Amino acid sequence: MPSSISSSKSSAPAPPGLRHAVVFLAGVVVLLAAVEAGARLFVHRISRIEGRVAAEYQAALRIHAGSHPPRQLLMVGNSLLEESVPAALLRPDWLQGWQATRFPIEKTSTLDWTYGLPRLYQDGCHPDAYGLVMSPAFLTSTFSRGEYSALYLLRIRDLGAISGELHLHPTRIASLGLGIYSKFFALRTDIRKVVLSRALPGMGALAVLLVGRGQDRPMEQEEYYRQALPRLQAIRKTAIQAESRIILIIHPPSPLLSEDGTPAVLRAARDAGVEAVAPDPASRFSQSDFRDSQHLNETGAGKFIQSIGPGLQAALDRPLR
């Protein structure tokens, strides 16, 4: 008799509350999977910027160093690279014996790319050299783009290191980890911006007018040097780990800045063992070459390409030190 009672208890149906919870969780999983699939399949089609980043990322992964020319140079950076080195200007005859490709991600800093070079190497990108395009202000900045940057430029093993460097809260660390694996999570802010821009045309221009464009805090030459040196030492180390080399390409700062940090950054690059290329002083960029306080316009971009060409060629042709 006891055994029959035990058998009847073990085969009793699950409580309705448990069944509802299981159904609810299954629905959540299906919804999240659908949202993630949608982000991977459609966001690059409706967002011009994400479409460009995704395409140039795939092009970067096809780069492989070889013993025969042309050798491969991958230029990385943020919106300064995106607007100052248009893909159309990267002609095969720009650098002798080298093929230049670019991969800019807006709002990234030297810190993002310090962790990004090993991630690109892990994903299959193996250029002969990297060209980091940064202005002195962005080179010495301490920000990161966060989850979006993690999607393309962070390895899971580097979470602890970057979290310590940025003094991140555990919640932010978890967000970075999710950003590495979830495209929807990494792009959620950009998706919201795309939806708002489609629903409210002109919203972006209005936001710029309301918020304005902040100016970088003025820095002395020695402060530029102190902040640039450890960043250049760190990215040189990661470039070596990625079986490549790094060349710093200094973007011209706006004439509106009270202090041009280029001389201090060149000194820091020399002391860090990093090849550095700055625009020819004869180029003399004026505010008419800029479309705002940071980015070059079409005329300035053409001048920039011409002014760094000879120096970049010489830096690439010099043997590794």
Foldseek 3Di string as FASTA:
>chain_A
DVVVVVVVVVPDDDDPVVVVVVVVVVVVVVVQVVLLVCLVPPPLVLDVQSVVLVVLLVVQLPAAADPAFLFEEEEEEAVQCCALPPPVNQDPPLFPSHRYGYRYHHPAALVLVLQQLVQSLVSRRHGQEYEYEEALLRLLDQDGPALLSLCRGHDLVCLVVNCVSNVHDPVSSVLNVCSNPGSCSSCVVVVVVSVCCVVPPPPVVVVCVVVPDDDDDADDLVVSLVRNQVSLLSSQVSCVVSVHGYEYEHDFFAPVHPDRNVVSNCVSCVVSQHHYFYFDVVLDDYNVQAPDRGHGHPVVSVSSSVRRSVVVNVVVPDDRD
